[in-house]
Amino acid sequence: MNYKISEMPKEQRPYEKCLREGAAALNDSELLAVILKNGTKGKSSLALAEELLRVMAKTPYPGLLGLLHLSVRELTQIQGIGTVKAIQLKCIGELSKRIAVSAAKPMLNYRQPVTIAQYYMEQLRHEEQEQLVCMFFDNAMHLLGEQVLSRGTVNSAVITPREIFIEALRHHAVCIVLIHNHPSGDPSPSSEDLLTTERIFRAGQMLGVQLVDHLIIGDQSYISLREQGLFKGFEH
């Protein structure tokens, strides 16, 4: 792989292969080679891409997922990746998350938890700390806004009902949905999750702002507390 891309047979070159067969035909190293564009002295962009994949394979997030977790500083420690290439790689990772969010947004419906889970999955499943997000809706199910209300430690995001409903009233919301992630990847609710949800639900009842659901995002998985029937105990 240490020869130049220009020295490869044309049918094996990533650019030509993409033009001929489409981007989906490229493997991970070929895709990265196209993004990296140039290698370094004695190392082609394809060889550099292979090295990047080897580095990411040694992290808790192997494969292309590592782009979302390696910092610019960590990327620049790989010989041949300078600050500009590192920033390009980080931007590609961010772009992939935003594309996923844009694709899911038109389908949002607070009565269908899966649509909310799809909307937040790429944004939250990669986070290494808990985040609590609140979505604000009117009575016609129109999304009025969304806000990250808390960024916590690895284990918890600290929030009070007061903070949530200040924002809900500011948005003139009739109902809200809470979403938070579990960095462990397991979306199973903790006893603290259930107690916090009940406190917020009851506060909303007094203020006339309904807590419709609370979703917990794991790694490619989610749990809706309402879908699981866990809201029934709050509603009596």
Protein backbone atom coordinates (compact mmCIF):
# COMPACT_ATOMS: atom_id res chain seq x y z
CA MET A 1 0.00 0.00 0.00
CA ASN A 2 3.02 2.32 0.19
CA TYR A 3 3.02 3.04 -3.53
CA LYS A 4 1.25 6.13 -4.84
CA ILE A 5 -2.41 5.94 -5.85
CA SER A 6 -1.33 7.01 -9.35
CA GLU A 7 0.84 3.89 -9.56
CA MET A 8 -2.11 1.57 -8.90
CA PRO A 9 -4.01 -0.05 -11.79
CA LYS A 10 -6.83 2.33 -12.78
CA GLU A 11 -9.58 -0.13 -11.87
CA GLN A 12 -8.25 -0.25 -8.26
CA ARG A 13 -7.93 3.48 -7.67
CA PRO A 14 -10.58 4.78 -5.22
CA TYR A 15 -11.56 7.82 -7.32
CA GLU A 16 -12.00 5.82 -10.52
CA LYS A 17 -13.79 3.04 -8.65
CA CYS A 18 -16.21 5.58 -7.17
CA LEU A 19 -16.94 7.07 -10.59
CA ARG A 20 -17.44 3.65 -12.10
CA GLU A 21 -19.40 1.87 -9.35
CA GLY A 22 -20.56 4.57 -6.94
CA ALA A 23 -19.36 5.53 -3.44
CA ALA A 24 -21.13 2.52 -1.88
CA ALA A 25 -18.65 0.24 -3.67
CA LEU A 26 -15.70 1.68 -1.73
CA ASN A 27 -14.52 -0.08 1.40
CA ASP A 28 -13.72 1.88 4.58
CA SER A 29 -10.05 2.42 3.77
CA GLU A 30 -10.89 3.58 0.23
CA LEU A 31 -13.47 6.06 1.53
CA LEU A 32 -10.96 7.45 4.03
CA ALA A 33 -8.29 7.64 1.33
CA VAL A 34 -10.56 9.83 -0.80
CA ILE A 35 -11.20 12.13 2.19
CA LEU A 36 -7.53 12.26 3.16
CA LYS A 37 -6.70 12.97 -0.50
CA ASN A 38 -2.91 12.92 -0.03
CA GLY A 39 -0.61 10.65 1.90
CA THR A 40 2.76 11.58 3.26
CA LYS A 41 6.35 10.86 2.25
CA GLY A 42 6.68 7.14 1.56
CA LYS A 43 3.01 6.49 2.42
CA SER A 44 0.01 6.71 0.07
CA SER A 45 -3.37 8.03 1.18
CA LEU A 46 -4.61 4.44 1.09
CA ALA A 47 -1.82 3.29 3.39
CA LEU A 48 -2.53 6.23 5.70
CA ALA A 49 -6.21 5.28 5.75
CA GLU A 50 -5.32 1.70 6.68
CA GLU A 51 -3.13 2.97 9.51
CA LEU A 52 -5.95 5.19 10.77
CA LEU A 53 -8.30 2.20 10.83
CA ARG A 54 -5.71 0.16 12.76
CA VAL A 55 -5.45 2.93 15.37
CA MET A 56 -9.23 3.11 15.71
CA ALA A 57 -9.44 -0.68 16.02
CA LYS A 58 -7.48 -0.42 19.30
CA THR A 59 -10.00 2.01 20.83
CA PRO A 60 -13.36 1.18 22.49
CA TYR A 61 -14.95 2.45 19.22
CA PRO A 62 -13.37 0.42 16.38
CA GLY A 63 -13.98 1.14 12.72
CA LEU A 64 -15.32 4.39 11.32
CA LEU A 65 -17.16 5.05 14.59
CA GLY A 66 -13.77 6.03 16.02
CA LEU A 67 -13.86 9.27 14.01
CA LEU A 68 -16.54 10.56 16.37
CA HIS A 69 -14.47 9.77 19.46
CA LEU A 70 -10.85 10.52 18.57
CA SER A 71 -9.91 14.13 19.24
CA VAL A 72 -8.01 16.35 16.80
CA ARG A 73 -4.96 15.96 19.05
CA GLU A 74 -5.22 12.16 18.98
CA LEU A 75 -5.64 12.13 15.21
CA THR A 76 -2.58 14.32 14.67
CA GLN A 77 -0.47 11.83 16.59
CA ILE A 78 -0.80 9.53 13.57
CA GLN A 79 2.12 10.23 11.25
CA GLY A 80 0.83 11.85 8.08
CA ILE A 81 -2.28 13.38 9.65
CA GLY A 82 -1.83 17.06 10.38
CA THR A 83 -4.26 19.53 11.86
CA VAL A 84 -6.05 20.17 8.55
CA LYS A 85 -6.62 16.47 7.84
CA ALA A 86 -7.71 15.88 11.44
CA ILE A 87 -10.28 18.68 11.21
CA GLN A 88 -11.55 17.31 7.90
CA LEU A 89 -12.05 13.90 9.48
CA LYS A 90 -13.87 15.37 12.50
CA CYS A 91 -16.12 17.37 10.18
CA ILE A 92 -16.98 14.25 8.18
CA GLY A 93 -18.03 12.56 11.43
CA GLU A 94 -20.19 15.52 12.43
CA LEU A 95 -21.69 15.71 8.95
CA SER A 96 -22.77 12.06 9.18
CA LYS A 97 -24.61 12.77 12.45
CA ARG A 98 -26.36 15.82 11.01
CA ILE A 99 -27.45 13.94 7.90
CA ALA A 100 -29.06 11.28 10.11
CA VAL A 101 -30.88 13.96 12.12
CA SER A 102 -32.10 15.79 8.99
CA ALA A 103 -33.42 12.54 7.51
CA ALA A 104 -35.35 11.68 10.69
CA LYS A 105 -36.82 15.13 11.47
CA PRO A 106 -39.80 15.11 9.03
CA MET A 107 -41.07 11.90 10.65
CA LEU A 108 -41.15 13.25 14.23
CA ASN A 109 -44.31 12.37 16.12
CA TYR A 110 -44.45 12.35 19.91
CA ARG A 111 -47.07 9.57 19.79
CA GLN A 112 -44.55 7.35 17.99
CA PRO A 113 -41.45 7.00 20.20
CA VAL A 114 -39.47 5.27 17.46
CA THR A 115 -39.49 8.49 15.39
CA ILE A 116 -37.96 10.41 18.30
CA ALA A 117 -35.41 7.66 18.96
CA GLN A 118 -34.35 7.72 15.31
CA TYR A 119 -34.02 11.50 15.42
CA TYR A 120 -31.69 11.47 18.43
CA MET A 121 -29.90 8.14 17.99
CA GLU A 122 -26.82 9.34 16.10
CA GLN A 123 -26.60 12.50 18.18
CA LEU A 124 -26.71 10.79 21.57
CA ARG A 125 -25.50 7.20 21.27
CA HIS A 126 -21.90 8.34 20.77
CA GLU A 127 -21.83 10.67 23.79
CA GLU A 128 -19.53 9.64 26.63
CA GLN A 129 -21.52 11.59 29.24
CA GLU A 130 -25.23 11.69 29.90
CA GLN A 131 -27.18 14.49 28.25
CA LEU A 132 -30.79 15.40 28.92
CA VAL A 133 -32.75 16.92 26.05
CA CYS A 134 -36.26 18.33 26.19
CA MET A 135 -38.56 18.64 23.17
CA PHE A 136 -41.37 21.19 23.30
CA PHE A 137 -44.65 20.62 21.40
CA ASP A 138 -47.93 22.48 20.90
CA ASN A 139 -51.30 20.71 21.01
CA ALA A 140 -51.12 19.99 17.27
CA MET A 141 -47.90 17.98 17.75
CA HIS A 142 -45.80 20.70 16.11
CA LEU A 143 -42.25 20.83 17.44
CA LEU A 144 -41.73 24.27 18.96
CA GLY A 145 -38.10 23.69 19.88
CA GLU A 146 -35.61 21.42 21.58
CA GLN A 147 -32.91 22.11 24.11
CA VAL A 148 -30.09 20.31 25.88
CA LEU A 149 -30.92 21.01 29.51
CA SER A 150 -28.14 19.11 31.21
CA ARG A 151 -24.77 17.56 30.52
CA GLY A 152 -23.76 15.25 33.31
CA THR A 153 -21.07 12.87 34.41
CA VAL A 154 -20.63 9.40 32.95
CA ASN A 155 -23.48 8.19 35.17
CA SER A 156 -26.01 10.98 35.53
CA ALA A 157 -27.39 14.25 34.23
CA VAL A 158 -28.63 16.55 37.01
CA ILE A 159 -31.83 18.48 36.33
CA THR A 160 -34.77 19.81 38.36
CA PRO A 161 -38.43 20.08 37.28
CA ARG A 162 -38.16 23.85 37.78
CA GLU A 163 -35.50 24.18 35.08
CA ILE A 164 -37.50 22.06 32.66
CA PHE A 165 -40.77 23.91 33.05
CA ILE A 166 -39.18 27.36 32.89
CA GLU A 167 -38.08 26.39 29.38
CA ALA A 168 -41.42 24.73 28.57
CA LEU A 169 -43.36 27.86 29.49
CA ARG A 170 -40.88 30.03 27.61
CA HIS A 171 -41.59 27.97 24.49
CA HIS A 172 -45.38 28.11 25.18
CA ALA A 173 -45.37 24.31 25.13
CA VAL A 174 -48.47 22.25 25.86
CA CYS A 175 -46.51 19.03 26.21
CA ILE A 176 -42.91 17.91 26.43
CA VAL A 177 -40.82 14.81 25.78
CA LEU A 178 -37.60 14.09 27.65
CA ILE A 179 -34.71 12.21 26.08
CA HIS A 180 -31.45 11.20 27.69
CA ASN A 181 -28.68 8.78 26.83
CA HIS A 182 -26.95 6.02 28.76
CA PRO A 183 -23.23 6.04 27.82
CA SER A 184 -23.06 2.37 28.79
CA GLY A 185 -25.17 1.60 25.72
CA ASP A 186 -27.86 -0.13 27.82
CA PRO A 187 -31.10 1.92 27.77
CA SER A 188 -32.68 0.12 30.74
CA PRO A 189 -34.09 2.74 33.14
CA SER A 190 -32.55 3.04 36.59
CA SER A 191 -34.60 3.61 39.72
CA GLU A 192 -33.32 7.20 39.66
CA ASP A 193 -34.60 7.60 36.08
CA LEU A 194 -38.07 6.48 37.19
CA LEU A 195 -38.16 8.71 40.27
CA THR A 196 -37.02 11.75 38.31
CA THR A 197 -39.58 11.07 35.58
CA GLU A 198 -42.40 10.82 38.14
CA ARG A 199 -41.37 14.11 39.79
CA ILE A 200 -41.35 15.89 36.44
CA PHE A 201 -44.65 14.29 35.40
CA ARG A 202 -46.41 15.45 38.59
CA ALA A 203 -44.95 18.95 38.34
CA GLY A 204 -46.25 19.15 34.78
CA GLN A 205 -49.73 18.15 35.91
CA MET A 206 -49.82 21.14 38.29
CA LEU A 207 -48.58 23.54 35.60
CA GLY A 208 -50.74 22.22 32.77
CA VAL A 209 -47.77 21.03 30.70
CA GLN A 210 -47.94 17.31 30.05
CA LEU A 211 -44.88 15.10 30.10
CA VAL A 212 -45.82 12.82 27.21
CA ASP A 213 -42.84 10.46 27.29
CA HIS A 214 -39.28 9.92 28.47
CA LEU A 215 -36.94 8.08 26.12
CA ILE A 216 -33.60 6.58 27.07
CA ILE A 217 -31.14 6.17 24.22
CA GLY A 218 -28.61 3.35 24.24
CA ASP A 219 -26.31 2.09 21.51
CA GLN A 220 -28.63 1.44 18.56
CA SER A 221 -31.41 0.79 21.06
CA TYR A 222 -33.90 2.80 23.08
CA ILE A 223 -36.61 2.47 25.69
CA SER A 224 -39.74 4.59 25.87
CA LEU A 225 -41.02 4.68 29.45
CA ARG A 226 -44.58 5.25 28.23
CA GLU A 227 -44.33 2.46 25.67
CA GLN A 228 -43.13 0.15 28.45
CA GLY A 229 -46.20 1.02 30.51
CA LEU A 230 -44.14 2.73 33.20
CA PHE A 231 -46.22 5.94 33.07
CA LYS A 232 -49.31 4.11 34.32
CA GLY A 233 -48.07 4.33 37.91
CA PHE A 234 -47.67 8.12 37.61
CA GLU A 235 -51.17 8.72 36.21
CA HIS A 236 -53.14 7.45 39.21
